[in-house]
Amino acid sequence: MSAQLFAAIAALAREEHAIVVDERYEELEGVRLRRDVLMAALPPVPPAWAMDDLREAARLQGLITAALREARDATGAQLRRLGTARTGAQGYAAGTGVPSAPRSAYSRLG
């Protein structure tokens, strides 16, 4: 087992963090697949000399998780605002005599 494996895990975490910060979410699946390959190659107990790389990867994973939660929450808030705007627009449309569009299952927030 080489130090390159553990360095690669830390490097991949840095790459994933940059992807999330840049909101390039479509690239995350490729990172996940590469991480799965690296993780499968890890020994059950890491050597002491690998701990710095593993700590860095864990630190970055915490930042990644926080950034993804923030993005999820912002998207949810935006969807709620859109739902409110749609309800308001339907109220205005009701006065025109034009039937409102059917409510799609995809537009429901829950």
PDB file of N, CA and C in Angstrom:
ATOM      1  N   MET A   1       0.863  -1.166   0.000  1.00  0.00           N
ATOM      2  CA  MET A   1       0.000   0.000   0.000  1.00  0.00           C
ATOM      3  C   MET A   1       0.912   1.232   0.000  1.00  0.00           C
ATOM      4  N   SER A   2       0.525   2.212  -0.809  1.00  0.00           N
ATOM      5  CA  SER A   2       1.402   3.369  -0.927  1.00  0.00           C
ATOM      6  C   SER A   2       0.740   4.629  -0.383  1.00  0.00           C
ATOM      7  N   ALA A   3       1.595   5.599  -0.118  1.00  0.00           N
ATOM      8  CA  ALA A   3       1.114   6.894   0.347  1.00  0.00           C
ATOM      9  C   ALA A   3       0.294   7.582  -0.737  1.00  0.00           C
ATOM     10  N   GLN A   4       0.497   7.201  -1.987  1.00  0.00           N
ATOM     11  CA  GLN A   4      -0.243   7.820  -3.094  1.00  0.00           C
ATOM     12  C   GLN A   4      -1.748   7.589  -2.969  1.00  0.00           C
ATOM     13  N   LEU A   5      -2.143   6.443  -2.459  1.00  0.00           N
ATOM     14  CA  LEU A   5      -3.567   6.138  -2.288  1.00  0.00           C
ATOM     15  C   LEU A   5      -4.216   7.136  -1.334  1.00  0.00           C
ATOM     16  N   PHE A   6      -3.574   7.385  -0.216  1.00  0.00           N
ATOM     17  CA  PHE A   6      -4.136   8.301   0.781  1.00  0.00           C
ATOM     18  C   PHE A   6      -4.061   9.750   0.296  1.00  0.00           C
ATOM     19  N   ALA A   7      -3.005  10.090  -0.423  1.00  0.00           N
ATOM     20  CA  ALA A   7      -2.898  11.429  -1.006  1.00  0.00           C
ATOM     21  C   ALA A   7      -3.992  11.626  -2.058  1.00  0.00           C
ATOM     22  N   ALA A   8      -4.299  10.576  -2.800  1.00  0.00           N
ATOM     23  CA  ALA A   8      -5.346  10.655  -3.821  1.00  0.00           C
ATOM     24  C   ALA A   8      -6.715  10.889  -3.188  1.00  0.00           C
ATOM     25  N   ILE A   9      -6.952  10.314  -2.033  1.00  0.00           N
ATOM     26  CA  ILE A   9      -8.220  10.524  -1.332  1.00  0.00           C
ATOM     27  C   ILE A   9      -8.352  11.981  -0.906  1.00  0.00           C
ATOM     28  N   ALA A  10      -7.287  12.549  -0.368  1.00  0.00           N
ATOM     29  CA  ALA A  10      -7.314  13.960   0.025  1.00  0.00           C
ATOM     30  C   ALA A  10      -7.481  14.855  -1.205  1.00  0.00           C
ATOM     31  N   ALA A  11      -6.787  14.531  -2.290  1.00  0.00           N
ATOM     32  CA  ALA A  11      -6.899  15.331  -3.515  1.00  0.00           C
ATOM     33  C   ALA A  11      -8.316  15.266  -4.083  1.00  0.00           C
ATOM     34  N   LEU A  12      -8.921  14.103  -4.034  1.00  0.00           N
ATOM     35  CA  LEU A  12     -10.290  13.957  -4.530  1.00  0.00           C
ATOM     36  C   LEU A  12     -11.261  14.764  -3.672  1.00  0.00           C
ATOM     37  N   ALA A  13     -11.033  14.804  -2.374  1.00  0.00           N
ATOM     38  CA  ALA A  13     -11.875  15.609  -1.487  1.00  0.00           C
ATOM     39  C   ALA A  13     -11.734  17.096  -1.821  1.00  0.00           C
ATOM     40  N   ARG A  14     -10.518  17.544  -2.126  1.00  0.00           N
ATOM     41  CA  ARG A  14     -10.317  18.939  -2.531  1.00  0.00           C
ATOM     42  C   ARG A  14     -11.062  19.226  -3.839  1.00  0.00           C
ATOM     43  N   GLU A  15     -10.992  18.294  -4.762  1.00  0.00           N
ATOM     44  CA  GLU A  15     -11.693  18.449  -6.042  1.00  0.00           C
ATOM     45  C   GLU A  15     -13.208  18.500  -5.822  1.00  0.00           C
ATOM     46  N   GLU A  16     -13.717  17.607  -4.999  1.00  0.00           N
ATOM     47  CA  GLU A  16     -15.156  17.579  -4.730  1.00  0.00           C
ATOM     48  C   GLU A  16     -15.609  18.880  -4.069  1.00  0.00           C
ATOM     49  N   HIS A  17     -14.810  19.389  -3.149  1.00  0.00           N
ATOM     50  CA  HIS A  17     -15.154  20.634  -2.479  1.00  0.00           C
ATOM     51  C   HIS A  17     -15.225  21.773  -3.501  1.00  0.00           C
ATOM     52  N   ALA A  18     -14.270  21.848  -4.407  1.00  0.00           N
ATOM     53  CA  ALA A  18     -14.285  22.885  -5.439  1.00  0.00           C
ATOM     54  C   ALA A  18     -15.525  22.759  -6.326  1.00  0.00           C
ATOM     55  N   ILE A  19     -15.894  21.549  -6.658  1.00  0.00           N
ATOM     56  CA  ILE A  19     -17.078  21.314  -7.492  1.00  0.00           C
ATOM     57  C   ILE A  19     -18.338  21.817  -6.794  1.00  0.00           C
ATOM     58  N   VAL A  20     -18.455  21.528  -5.521  1.00  0.00           N
ATOM     59  CA  VAL A  20     -19.643  21.953  -4.764  1.00  0.00           C
ATOM     60  C   VAL A  20     -19.664  23.470  -4.608  1.00  0.00           C
ATOM     61  N   VAL A  21     -18.520  24.057  -4.276  1.00  0.00           N
ATOM     62  CA  VAL A  21     -18.450  25.507  -4.119  1.00  0.00           C
ATOM     63  C   VAL A  21     -18.798  26.209  -5.433  1.00  0.00           C
ATOM     64  N   ASP A  22     -18.369  25.636  -6.545  1.00  0.00           N
ATOM     65  CA  ASP A  22     -18.655  26.208  -7.868  1.00  0.00           C
ATOM     66  C   ASP A  22     -20.039  25.824  -8.393  1.00  0.00           C
ATOM     67  N   GLU A  23     -20.790  25.054  -7.606  1.00  0.00           N
ATOM     68  CA  GLU A  23     -22.147  24.616  -7.954  1.00  0.00           C
ATOM     69  C   GLU A  23     -22.188  23.830  -9.265  1.00  0.00           C
ATOM     70  N   ARG A  24     -21.196  22.993  -9.478  1.00  0.00           N
ATOM     71  CA  ARG A  24     -21.144  22.128 -10.665  1.00  0.00           C
ATOM     72  C   ARG A  24     -21.616  20.729 -10.247  1.00  0.00           C
ATOM     73  N   TYR A  25     -22.817  20.667  -9.727  1.00  0.00           N
ATOM     74  CA  TYR A  25     -23.338  19.449  -9.111  1.00  0.00           C
ATOM     75  C   TYR A  25     -23.390  18.265 -10.066  1.00  0.00           C
ATOM     76  N   GLU A  26     -23.538  18.522 -11.357  1.00  0.00           N
ATOM     77  CA  GLU A  26     -23.607  17.429 -12.325  1.00  0.00           C
ATOM     78  C   GLU A  26     -22.306  16.628 -12.369  1.00  0.00           C
ATOM     79  N   GLU A  27     -21.215  17.177 -11.844  1.00  0.00           N
ATOM     80  CA  GLU A  27     -19.932  16.477 -11.838  1.00  0.00           C
ATOM     81  C   GLU A  27     -19.750  15.570 -10.612  1.00  0.00           C
ATOM     82  N   LEU A  28     -20.646  15.661  -9.657  1.00  0.00           N
ATOM     83  CA  LEU A  28     -20.480  14.916  -8.405  1.00  0.00           C
ATOM     84  C   LEU A  28     -20.555  13.401  -8.593  1.00  0.00           C
ATOM     85  N   GLU A  29     -21.367  12.943  -9.508  1.00  0.00           N
ATOM     86  CA  GLU A  29     -21.490  11.491  -9.707  1.00  0.00           C
ATOM     87  C   GLU A  29     -20.149  10.894 -10.131  1.00  0.00           C
ATOM     88  N   GLY A  30     -19.439  11.556 -11.012  1.00  0.00           N
ATOM     89  CA  GLY A  30     -18.127  11.068 -11.434  1.00  0.00           C
ATOM     90  C   GLY A  30     -17.139  11.019 -10.284  1.00  0.00           C
ATOM     91  N   VAL A  31     -17.198  12.021  -9.421  1.00  0.00           N
ATOM     92  CA  VAL A  31     -16.333  12.036  -8.238  1.00  0.00           C
ATOM     93  C   VAL A  31     -16.698  10.877  -7.311  1.00  0.00           C
ATOM     94  N   ARG A  32     -17.989  10.655  -7.135  1.00  0.00           N
ATOM     95  CA  ARG A  32     -18.422   9.561  -6.257  1.00  0.00           C
ATOM     96  C   ARG A  32     -17.907   8.221  -6.771  1.00  0.00           C
ATOM     97  N   LEU A  33     -17.986   8.011  -8.065  1.00  0.00           N
ATOM     98  CA  LEU A  33     -17.510   6.748  -8.629  1.00  0.00           C
ATOM     99  C   LEU A  33     -16.008   6.572  -8.403  1.00  0.00           C
ATOM    100  N   ARG A  34     -15.259   7.640  -8.592  1.00  0.00           N
ATOM    101  CA  ARG A  34     -13.812   7.564  -8.355  1.00  0.00           C
ATOM    102  C   ARG A  34     -13.501   7.351  -6.880  1.00  0.00           C
ATOM    103  N   ARG A  35     -14.283   7.989  -6.000  1.00  0.00           N
ATOM    104  CA  ARG A  35     -14.078   7.802  -4.560  1.00  0.00           C
ATOM    105  C   ARG A  35     -14.363   6.359  -4.159  1.00  0.00           C
ATOM    106  N   ASP A  36     -15.409   5.767  -4.728  1.00  0.00           N
ATOM    107  CA  ASP A  36     -15.741   4.383  -4.416  1.00  0.00           C
ATOM    108  C   ASP A  36     -14.575   3.446  -4.727  1.00  0.00           C
ATOM    109  N   VAL A  37     -13.907   3.681  -5.847  1.00  0.00           N
ATOM    110  CA  VAL A  37     -12.755   2.855  -6.233  1.00  0.00           C
ATOM    111  C   VAL A  37     -11.632   3.023  -5.216  1.00  0.00           C
ATOM    112  N   LEU A  38     -11.349   4.269  -4.845  1.00  0.00           N
ATOM    113  CA  LEU A  38     -10.283   4.508  -3.867  1.00  0.00           C
ATOM    114  C   LEU A  38     -10.626   3.899  -2.503  1.00  0.00           C
ATOM    115  N   MET A  39     -11.857   4.096  -2.079  1.00  0.00           N
ATOM    116  CA  MET A  39     -12.264   3.586  -0.761  1.00  0.00           C
ATOM    117  C   MET A  39     -12.191   2.059  -0.703  1.00  0.00           C
ATOM    118  N   ALA A  40     -12.501   1.416  -1.803  1.00  0.00           N
ATOM    119  CA  ALA A  40     -12.438  -0.054  -1.836  1.00  0.00           C
ATOM    120  C   ALA A  40     -11.011  -0.556  -1.697  1.00  0.00           C
ATOM    121  N   ALA A  41     -10.050   0.283  -2.052  1.00  0.00           N
ATOM    122  CA  ALA A  41      -8.645  -0.126  -1.970  1.00  0.00           C
ATOM    123  C   ALA A  41      -8.030   0.130  -0.598  1.00  0.00           C
ATOM    124  N   LEU A  42      -8.748   0.807   0.277  1.00  0.00           N
ATOM    125  CA  LEU A  42      -8.200   1.125   1.603  1.00  0.00           C
ATOM    126  C   LEU A  42      -8.141  -0.104   2.500  1.00  0.00           C
ATOM    127  N   PRO A  43      -7.134  -0.157   3.348  1.00  0.00           N
ATOM    128  CA  PRO A  43      -7.075  -1.245   4.317  1.00  0.00           C
ATOM    129  C   PRO A  43      -8.072  -0.990   5.448  1.00  0.00           C
ATOM    130  N   PRO A  44      -8.459  -2.027   6.183  1.00  0.00           N
ATOM    131  CA  PRO A  44      -9.421  -1.836   7.284  1.00  0.00           C
ATOM    132  C   PRO A  44      -8.897  -0.893   8.364  1.00  0.00           C
ATOM    133  N   VAL A  45      -7.596  -0.905   8.588  1.00  0.00           N
ATOM    134  CA  VAL A  45      -6.974  -0.025   9.578  1.00  0.00           C
ATOM    135  C   VAL A  45      -5.885   0.769   8.854  1.00  0.00           C
ATOM    136  N   PRO A  46      -6.028   2.094   8.816  1.00  0.00           N
ATOM    137  CA  PRO A  46      -5.030   2.877   8.091  1.00  0.00           C
ATOM    138  C   PRO A  46      -3.710   2.945   8.865  1.00  0.00           C
ATOM    139  N   PRO A  47      -2.609   3.050   8.149  1.00  0.00           N
ATOM    140  CA  PRO A  47      -1.325   3.214   8.825  1.00  0.00           C
ATOM    141  C   PRO A  47      -1.235   4.615   9.441  1.00  0.00           C
ATOM    142  N   ALA A  48      -0.446   4.749  10.461  1.00  0.00           N
ATOM    143  CA  ALA A  48      -0.319   6.027  11.164  1.00  0.00           C
ATOM    144  C   ALA A  48       0.137   7.142  10.232  1.00  0.00           C
ATOM    145  N   TRP A  49       1.016   6.829   9.291  1.00  0.00           N
ATOM    146  CA  TRP A  49       1.540   7.853   8.393  1.00  0.00           C
ATOM    147  C   TRP A  49       0.488   8.399   7.431  1.00  0.00           C
ATOM    148  N   ALA A  50      -0.661   7.768   7.338  1.00  0.00           N
ATOM    149  CA  ALA A  50      -1.720   8.219   6.422  1.00  0.00           C
ATOM    150  C   ALA A  50      -2.725   9.147   7.094  1.00  0.00           C
ATOM    151  N   MET A  51      -2.591   9.335   8.382  1.00  0.00           N
ATOM    152  CA  MET A  51      -3.616  10.070   9.129  1.00  0.00           C
ATOM    153  C   MET A  51      -3.766  11.528   8.690  1.00  0.00           C
ATOM    154  N   ASP A  52      -2.704  12.194   8.306  1.00  0.00           N
ATOM    155  CA  ASP A  52      -2.834  13.595   7.870  1.00  0.00           C
ATOM    156  C   ASP A  52      -3.736  13.703   6.645  1.00  0.00           C
ATOM    157  N   ASP A  53      -3.518  12.826   5.662  1.00  0.00           N
ATOM    158  CA  ASP A  53      -4.364  12.844   4.467  1.00  0.00           C
ATOM    159  C   ASP A  53      -5.803  12.494   4.812  1.00  0.00           C
ATOM    160  N   LEU A  54      -6.000  11.535   5.685  1.00  0.00           N
ATOM    161  CA  LEU A  54      -7.355  11.135   6.053  1.00  0.00           C
ATOM    162  C   LEU A  54      -8.060  12.218   6.855  1.00  0.00           C
ATOM    163  N   ARG A  55      -7.339  12.907   7.725  1.00  0.00           N
ATOM    164  CA  ARG A  55      -7.936  14.013   8.479  1.00  0.00           C
ATOM    165  C   ARG A  55      -8.339  15.155   7.541  1.00  0.00           C
ATOM    166  N   GLU A  56      -7.483  15.438   6.561  1.00  0.00           N
ATOM    167  CA  GLU A  56      -7.804  16.491   5.592  1.00  0.00           C
ATOM    168  C   GLU A  56      -9.035  16.109   4.779  1.00  0.00           C
ATOM    169  N   ALA A  57      -9.107  14.867   4.346  1.00  0.00           N
ATOM    170  CA  ALA A  57     -10.282  14.409   3.586  1.00  0.00           C
ATOM    171  C   ALA A  57     -11.544  14.508   4.437  1.00  0.00           C
ATOM    172  N   ALA A  58     -11.448  14.145   5.710  1.00  0.00           N
ATOM    173  CA  ALA A  58     -12.612  14.226   6.601  1.00  0.00           C
ATOM    174  C   ALA A  58     -13.017  15.680   6.837  1.00  0.00           C
ATOM    175  N   ARG A  59     -12.052  16.570   7.000  1.00  0.00           N
ATOM    176  CA  ARG A  59     -12.350  17.995   7.193  1.00  0.00           C
ATOM    177  C   ARG A  59     -13.084  18.550   5.967  1.00  0.00           C
ATOM    178  N   LEU A  60     -12.562  18.226   4.805  1.00  0.00           N
ATOM    179  CA  LEU A  60     -13.188  18.697   3.563  1.00  0.00           C
ATOM    180  C   LEU A  60     -14.574  18.090   3.389  1.00  0.00           C
ATOM    181  N   GLN A  61     -14.743  16.842   3.778  1.00  0.00           N
ATOM    182  CA  GLN A  61     -16.060  16.213   3.663  1.00  0.00           C
ATOM    183  C   GLN A  61     -17.081  16.947   4.525  1.00  0.00           C
ATOM    184  N   GLY A  62     -16.660  17.415   5.684  1.00  0.00           N
ATOM    185  CA  GLY A  62     -17.550  18.219   6.527  1.00  0.00           C
ATOM    186  C   GLY A  62     -17.962  19.512   5.839  1.00  0.00           C
ATOM    187  N   LEU A  63     -17.006  20.168   5.186  1.00  0.00           N
ATOM    188  CA  LEU A  63     -17.303  21.396   4.449  1.00  0.00           C
ATOM    189  C   LEU A  63     -18.230  21.116   3.266  1.00  0.00           C
ATOM    190  N   ILE A  64     -17.994  20.007   2.592  1.00  0.00           N
ATOM    191  CA  ILE A  64     -18.820  19.616   1.450  1.00  0.00           C
ATOM    192  C   ILE A  64     -20.258  19.375   1.906  1.00  0.00           C
ATOM    193  N   THR A  65     -20.406  18.636   2.986  1.00  0.00           N
ATOM    194  CA  THR A  65     -21.735  18.336   3.516  1.00  0.00           C
ATOM    195  C   THR A  65     -22.468  19.617   3.891  1.00  0.00           C
ATOM    196  N   ALA A  66     -21.774  20.542   4.562  1.00  0.00           N
ATOM    197  CA  ALA A  66     -22.394  21.811   4.955  1.00  0.00           C
ATOM    198  C   ALA A  66     -22.804  22.619   3.727  1.00  0.00           C
ATOM    199  N   ALA A  67     -21.949  22.665   2.718  1.00  0.00           N
ATOM    200  CA  ALA A  67     -22.267  23.424   1.497  1.00  0.00           C
ATOM    201  C   ALA A  67     -23.457  22.815   0.759  1.00  0.00           C
ATOM    202  N   LEU A  68     -23.518  21.484   0.707  1.00  0.00           N
ATOM    203  CA  LEU A  68     -24.639  20.834   0.038  1.00  0.00           C
ATOM    204  C   LEU A  68     -25.943  21.069   0.797  1.00  0.00           C
ATOM    205  N   ARG A  69     -25.895  21.041   2.118  1.00  0.00           N
ATOM    206  CA  ARG A  69     -27.104  21.331   2.908  1.00  0.00           C
ATOM    207  C   ARG A  69     -27.577  22.759   2.669  1.00  0.00           C
ATOM    208  N   GLU A  70     -26.631  23.693   2.623  1.00  0.00           N
ATOM    209  CA  GLU A  70     -26.976  25.085   2.376  1.00  0.00           C
ATOM    210  C   GLU A  70     -27.621  25.248   0.998  1.00  0.00           C
ATOM    211  N   ALA A  71     -27.055  24.589  -0.001  1.00  0.00           N
ATOM    212  CA  ALA A  71     -27.616  24.657  -1.358  1.00  0.00           C
ATOM    213  C   ALA A  71     -29.003  24.025  -1.394  1.00  0.00           C
ATOM    214  N   ARG A  72     -29.170  22.909  -0.700  1.00  0.00           N
ATOM    215  CA  ARG A  72     -30.486  22.251  -0.648  1.00  0.00           C
ATOM    216  C   ARG A  72     -31.515  23.174  -0.002  1.00  0.00           C
ATOM    217  N   ASP A  73     -31.126  23.801   1.110  1.00  0.00           N
ATOM    218  CA  ASP A  73     -32.055  24.689   1.805  1.00  0.00           C
ATOM    219  C   ASP A  73     -32.419  25.904   0.946  1.00  0.00           C
ATOM    220  N   ALA A  74     -31.439  26.449   0.228  1.00  0.00           N
ATOM    221  CA  ALA A  74     -31.698  27.593  -0.648  1.00  0.00           C
ATOM    222  C   ALA A  74     -32.636  27.193  -1.786  1.00  0.00           C
ATOM    223  N   THR A  75     -32.436  26.010  -2.328  1.00  0.00           N
ATOM    224  CA  THR A  75     -33.306  25.525  -3.404  1.00  0.00           C
ATOM    225  C   THR A  75     -34.725  25.322  -2.881  1.00  0.00           C
ATOM    226  N   GLY A  76     -34.858  24.761  -1.690  1.00  0.00           N
ATOM    227  CA  GLY A  76     -36.183  24.577  -1.089  1.00  0.00           C
ATOM    228  C   GLY A  76     -36.882  25.901  -0.867  1.00  0.00           C
ATOM    229  N   ALA A  77     -36.139  26.897  -0.393  1.00  0.00           N
ATOM    230  CA  ALA A  77     -36.732  28.218  -0.172  1.00  0.00           C
ATOM    231  C   ALA A  77     -37.175  28.827  -1.492  1.00  0.00           C
ATOM    232  N   GLN A  78     -36.376  28.657  -2.521  1.00  0.00           N
ATOM    233  CA  GLN A  78     -36.735  29.187  -3.835  1.00  0.00           C
ATOM    234  C   GLN A  78     -37.987  28.490  -4.369  1.00  0.00           C
ATOM    235  N   LEU A  79     -38.068  27.185  -4.196  1.00  0.00           N
ATOM    236  CA  LEU A  79     -39.252  26.454  -4.650  1.00  0.00           C
ATOM    237  C   LEU A  79     -40.502  26.894  -3.893  1.00  0.00           C
ATOM    238  N   ARG A  80     -40.351  27.149  -2.601  1.00  0.00           N
ATOM    239  CA  ARG A  80     -41.498  27.634  -1.825  1.00  0.00           C
ATOM    240  C   ARG A  80     -41.944  29.003  -2.328  1.00  0.00           C
ATOM    241  N   ARG A  81     -40.969  29.878  -2.638  1.00  0.00           N
ATOM    242  CA  ARG A  81     -41.317  31.199  -3.172  1.00  0.00           C
ATOM    243  C   ARG A  81     -42.032  31.065  -4.518  1.00  0.00           C
ATOM    244  N   LEU A  82     -41.566  30.167  -5.351  1.00  0.00           N
ATOM    245  CA  LEU A  82     -42.216  29.947  -6.643  1.00  0.00           C
ATOM    246  C   LEU A  82     -43.642  29.442  -6.458  1.00  0.00           C
ATOM    247  N   GLY A  83     -43.830  28.544  -5.479  1.00  0.00           N
ATOM    248  CA  GLY A  83     -45.176  28.040  -5.202  1.00  0.00           C
ATOM    249  C   GLY A  83     -46.100  29.140  -4.741  1.00  0.00           C
ATOM    250  N   THR A  84     -45.573  30.051  -3.925  1.00  0.00           N
ATOM    251  CA  THR A  84     -46.366  31.184  -3.458  1.00  0.00           C
ATOM    252  C   THR A  84     -46.710  32.101  -4.615  1.00  0.00           C
ATOM    253  N   ALA A  85     -45.747  32.332  -5.498  1.00  0.00           N
ATOM    254  CA  ALA A  85     -45.992  33.191  -6.662  1.00  0.00           C
ATOM    255  C   ALA A  85     -47.048  32.571  -7.562  1.00  0.00           C
ATOM    256  N   ARG A  86     -47.008  31.255  -7.718  1.00  0.00           N
ATOM    257  CA  ARG A  86     -48.000  30.579  -8.571  1.00  0.00           C
ATOM    258  C   ARG A  86     -49.392  30.734  -7.976  1.00  0.00           C
ATOM    259  N   THR A  87     -49.498  30.553  -6.647  1.00  0.00           N
ATOM    260  CA  THR A  87     -50.800  30.693  -5.986  1.00  0.00           C
ATOM    261  C   THR A  87     -51.333  32.108  -6.176  1.00  0.00           C
ATOM    262  N   GLY A  88     -50.443  33.092  -6.036  1.00  0.00           N
ATOM    263  CA  GLY A  88     -50.868  34.480  -6.232  1.00  0.00           C
ATOM    264  C   GLY A  88     -51.313  34.733  -7.656  1.00  0.00           C
ATOM    265  N   ALA A  89     -50.584  34.198  -8.608  1.00  0.00           N
ATOM    266  CA  ALA A  89     -50.941  34.379 -10.018  1.00  0.00           C
ATOM    267  C   ALA A  89     -52.273  33.709 -10.322  1.00  0.00           C
ATOM    268  N   GLN A  90     -52.523  32.565  -9.715  1.00  0.00           N
ATOM    269  CA  GLN A  90     -53.801  31.886  -9.932  1.00  0.00           C
ATOM    270  C   GLN A  90     -54.954  32.723  -9.385  1.00  0.00           C
ATOM    271  N   GLY A  91     -54.704  33.410  -8.272  1.00  0.00           N
ATOM    272  CA  GLY A  91     -55.725  34.278  -7.700  1.00  0.00           C
ATOM    273  C   GLY A  91     -56.078  35.413  -8.653  1.00  0.00           C
ATOM    274  N   TYR A  92     -55.050  35.985  -9.255  1.00  0.00           N
ATOM    275  CA  TYR A  92     -55.303  37.048 -10.236  1.00  0.00           C
ATOM    276  C   TYR A  92     -56.014  36.497 -11.463  1.00  0.00           C
ATOM    277  N   ALA A  93     -55.599  35.315 -11.902  1.00  0.00           N
ATOM    278  CA  ALA A  93     -56.199  34.712 -13.101  1.00  0.00           C
ATOM    279  C   ALA A  93     -57.664  34.383 -12.871  1.00  0.00           C
ATOM    280  N   ALA A  94     -58.049  34.092 -11.625  1.00  0.00           N
ATOM    281  CA  ALA A  94     -59.434  33.723 -11.342  1.00  0.00           C
ATOM    282  C   ALA A  94     -60.391  34.849 -11.733  1.00  0.00           C
ATOM    283  N   GLY A  95     -59.941  36.075 -11.617  1.00  0.00           N
ATOM    284  CA  GLY A  95     -60.795  37.205 -11.958  1.00  0.00           C
ATOM    285  C   GLY A  95     -60.949  37.418 -13.458  1.00  0.00           C
ATOM    286  N   THR A  96     -60.159  36.714 -14.253  1.00  0.00           N
ATOM    287  CA  THR A  96     -60.216  36.904 -15.712  1.00  0.00           C
ATOM    288  C   THR A  96     -61.200  35.967 -16.389  1.00  0.00           C
ATOM    289  N   GLY A  97     -61.629  34.938 -15.685  1.00  0.00           N
ATOM    290  CA  GLY A  97     -62.512  33.952 -16.277  1.00  0.00           C
ATOM    291  C   GLY A  97     -61.774  32.847 -17.013  1.00  0.00           C
ATOM    292  N   VAL A  98     -60.442  32.932 -17.053  1.00  0.00           N
ATOM    293  CA  VAL A  98     -59.629  31.901 -17.708  1.00  0.00           C
ATOM    294  C   VAL A  98     -59.357  30.802 -16.684  1.00  0.00           C
ATOM    295  N   PRO A  99     -59.628  29.535 -17.031  1.00  0.00           N
ATOM    296  CA  PRO A  99     -59.382  28.460 -16.061  1.00  0.00           C
ATOM    297  C   PRO A  99     -57.891  28.337 -15.758  1.00  0.00           C
ATOM    298  N   SER A 100     -57.592  28.038 -14.506  1.00  0.00           N
ATOM    299  CA  SER A 100     -56.185  27.881 -14.125  1.00  0.00           C
ATOM    300  C   SER A 100     -55.665  26.544 -14.619  1.00  0.00           C
ATOM    301  N   ALA A 101     -54.376  26.490 -14.789  1.00  0.00           N
ATOM    302  CA  ALA A 101     -53.723  25.256 -15.237  1.00  0.00           C
ATOM    303  C   ALA A 101     -53.855  24.207 -14.140  1.00  0.00           C
ATOM    304  N   PRO A 102     -53.991  22.935 -14.515  1.00  0.00           N
ATOM    305  CA  PRO A 102     -54.084  21.886 -13.492  1.00  0.00           C
ATOM    306  C   PRO A 102     -52.795  21.823 -12.686  1.00  0.00           C
ATOM    307  N   ARG A 103     -52.922  21.549 -11.428  1.00  0.00           N
ATOM    308  CA  ARG A 103     -51.769  21.478 -10.534  1.00  0.00           C
ATOM    309  C   ARG A 103     -51.081  20.128 -10.737  1.00  0.00           C
ATOM    310  N   SER A 104     -49.872  20.170 -11.141  1.00  0.00           N
ATOM    311  CA  SER A 104     -49.089  18.957 -11.404  1.00  0.00           C
ATOM    312  C   SER A 104     -48.572  18.371 -10.107  1.00  0.00           C
ATOM    313  N   ALA A 105     -48.391  17.068 -10.090  1.00  0.00           N
ATOM    314  CA  ALA A 105     -47.815  16.409  -8.908  1.00  0.00           C
ATOM    315  C   ALA A 105     -46.401  16.897  -8.665  1.00  0.00           C
ATOM    316  N   TYR A 106     -45.721  17.372  -9.720  1.00  0.00           N
ATOM    317  CA  TYR A 106     -44.339  17.839  -9.583  1.00  0.00           C
ATOM    318  C   TYR A 106     -44.244  19.205  -8.943  1.00  0.00           C
ATOM    319  N   SER A 107     -45.339  19.947  -8.900  1.00  0.00           N
ATOM    320  CA  SER A 107     -45.272  21.284  -8.339  1.00  0.00           C
ATOM    321  C   SER A 107     -45.612  21.302  -6.852  1.00  0.00           C
ATOM    322  N   ARG A 108     -45.965  20.180  -6.303  1.00  0.00           N
ATOM    323  CA  ARG A 108     -46.302  20.134  -4.871  1.00  0.00           C
ATOM    324  C   ARG A 108     -45.045  20.106  -4.042  1.00  0.00           C
ATOM    325  N   LEU A 109     -45.032  20.903  -3.019  1.00  0.00           N
ATOM    326  CA  LEU A 109     -43.893  20.920  -2.090  1.00  0.00           C
ATOM    327  C   LEU A 109     -44.310  20.195  -0.824  1.00  0.00           C
ATOM    328  N   GLY A 110     -43.391  19.461  -0.286  1.00  0.00           N
ATOM    329  CA  GLY A 110     -43.755  18.749   0.914  1.00  0.00           C
ATOM    330  C   GLY A 110     -42.695  18.603   1.882  1.00  0.00           C
TER     331      GLY A 110
END
